Protein backbone atom coordinates (compact mmCIF):
# COMPACT_ATOMS: atom_id res chain seq x y z
CA MET A 1 117.00 146.96 55.14
CA ARG A 2 115.42 150.11 56.49
CA ASP A 3 112.91 147.90 58.30
CA TYR A 4 115.67 146.57 60.56
CA PRO A 5 117.89 148.44 63.00
CA VAL A 6 121.40 149.07 61.70
CA THR A 7 124.32 149.25 64.11
CA PRO A 8 125.73 152.75 64.65
CA ASP A 9 128.87 151.86 62.66
CA GLY A 10 126.76 150.64 59.72
CA ARG A 11 128.34 147.18 59.68
CA TYR A 12 125.31 145.07 60.64
CA PHE A 13 121.54 145.04 60.69
CA VAL A 14 119.57 143.08 63.27
CA VAL A 15 116.84 140.53 62.60
CA LYS A 16 115.25 138.70 65.54
CA GLY A 17 118.18 139.58 67.77
CA GLN A 18 120.82 138.34 65.33
CA LEU A 19 123.44 140.42 63.53
CA TRP A 20 123.76 140.20 59.75
CA ARG A 21 126.58 141.92 57.90
CA CYS A 22 125.57 144.80 55.65
CA THR A 23 126.70 145.19 52.08
CA ASN A 24 130.02 146.98 51.69
CA PRO A 25 129.06 150.67 51.41
CA HIS A 26 132.27 151.39 49.49
CA LEU A 27 131.19 149.37 46.44
CA ASP A 28 130.60 151.32 43.27
CA GLU A 29 126.84 151.52 42.62
CA ASP A 30 127.09 149.68 39.29
CA GLU A 31 129.11 146.90 40.89
CA ARG A 32 126.64 146.63 43.78
CA LYS A 33 123.70 146.41 41.36
CA HIS A 34 125.49 143.75 39.32
CA TRP A 35 126.11 141.55 42.36
CA VAL A 36 122.60 142.05 43.72
CA GLN A 37 121.24 140.88 40.35
CA GLN A 38 123.57 137.88 40.46
CA LEU A 39 122.44 137.10 44.01
CA MET A 40 118.75 137.25 43.10
CA ALA A 41 119.31 135.02 40.06
CA ALA A 42 121.25 132.54 42.19
CA ARG A 43 118.47 132.48 44.80
CA ARG A 44 115.93 131.76 42.07
CA SER A 45 118.20 128.92 40.91
CA VAL A 46 118.27 127.53 44.45
CA LYS A 47 114.47 127.51 44.50
CA THR A 48 114.23 125.85 41.09
CA ALA A 49 116.81 123.19 41.97
CA LYS A 50 115.02 122.40 45.24
CA GLN A 51 111.68 122.04 43.46
CA ALA A 52 113.28 119.76 40.87
CA GLY A 53 115.12 117.72 43.48
CA ASP A 54 118.35 118.34 41.55
CA ASN A 55 121.13 118.16 44.13
CA GLU A 56 123.91 118.99 41.68
CA ALA A 57 122.12 122.13 40.48
CA LEU A 58 121.32 123.01 44.10
CA GLN A 59 124.98 122.80 45.08
CA GLN A 60 125.98 124.96 42.10
CA ALA A 61 123.27 127.53 42.86
CA ARG A 62 124.30 127.74 46.50
CA SER A 63 127.90 128.32 45.39
CA GLN A 64 126.66 131.19 43.24
CA VAL A 65 124.80 132.67 46.21
CA GLN A 66 127.97 132.43 48.28
CA ALA A 67 130.07 134.09 45.55
CA ALA A 68 127.64 136.99 45.24
CA LYS A 69 127.46 137.49 48.99
CA VAL A 70 131.25 137.51 49.25
CA ALA A 71 131.46 140.04 46.40
CA LEU A 72 128.91 142.23 48.21
CA GLY A 73 130.92 142.02 51.42
CA GLU A 74 128.15 140.25 53.33
CA ARG A 75 130.30 137.14 53.78
CA GLY A 76 133.99 136.38 53.56
CA PRO A 77 136.61 138.92 54.62
CA VAL A 78 135.24 141.99 56.40
CA TRP A 79 135.15 145.22 54.43
CA TRP A 80 136.27 147.50 57.26
CA GLN A 81 139.93 148.16 58.00
CA ASP A 82 140.08 148.88 61.75
CA GLY A 83 140.73 145.30 62.81
CA ALA A 84 137.36 144.85 64.54
CA PRO A 85 136.30 141.19 64.55
CA ASP A 86 133.39 139.92 62.50
CA GLN A 87 130.20 139.57 64.55
CA ASN A 88 128.12 138.24 61.64
CA GLN A 89 125.32 135.84 62.58
CA LYS A 90 125.90 136.25 66.32
CA GLN A 91 123.22 137.07 68.81
CA VAL A 92 123.47 140.82 69.36
CA LYS A 93 123.19 140.37 73.14
CA ASN A 94 126.52 138.50 73.07
CA THR A 95 128.42 141.20 71.16
CA PRO A 96 129.76 144.71 71.78
CA TYR A 97 126.46 145.98 70.30
CA ALA A 98 124.39 144.64 73.23
CA ASP A 99 124.02 147.97 75.04
CA TRP A 100 123.12 149.81 71.84
CA TYR A 101 120.50 147.20 70.99
CA ALA A 102 119.05 147.23 74.52
CA SER A 103 118.61 151.01 74.24
CA LEU A 104 116.37 150.77 71.17
CA PRO A 105 112.63 151.35 71.59
CA PRO A 106 110.51 148.21 72.02
CA ASN A 107 109.25 146.53 68.83
CA THR A 108 112.14 147.95 66.81
CA ASN A 109 112.94 144.43 65.69
């Protein structure tokens, strides 16, 4: 993720002008590693199911991806406690981070 700008509050990184929620930084390292491994395995299962044309396996694999992302804090309920709304998958220019993003050097993203 170091290749992408991260918002000053550490909640999102930006890819092609779009915000993506970061992993919950409060997760225990072992728990984070476990869920990252589960996510990678689920993504491999998605690829395999697509190649096989197996829609049932694809649906199951995508559910596993979702579960891992929720456990990592990248989807589902936000991991911060200050009541700030979720800006995940929004164009950064349409969020409170617009001025910060505009101040970054060119070619940062």
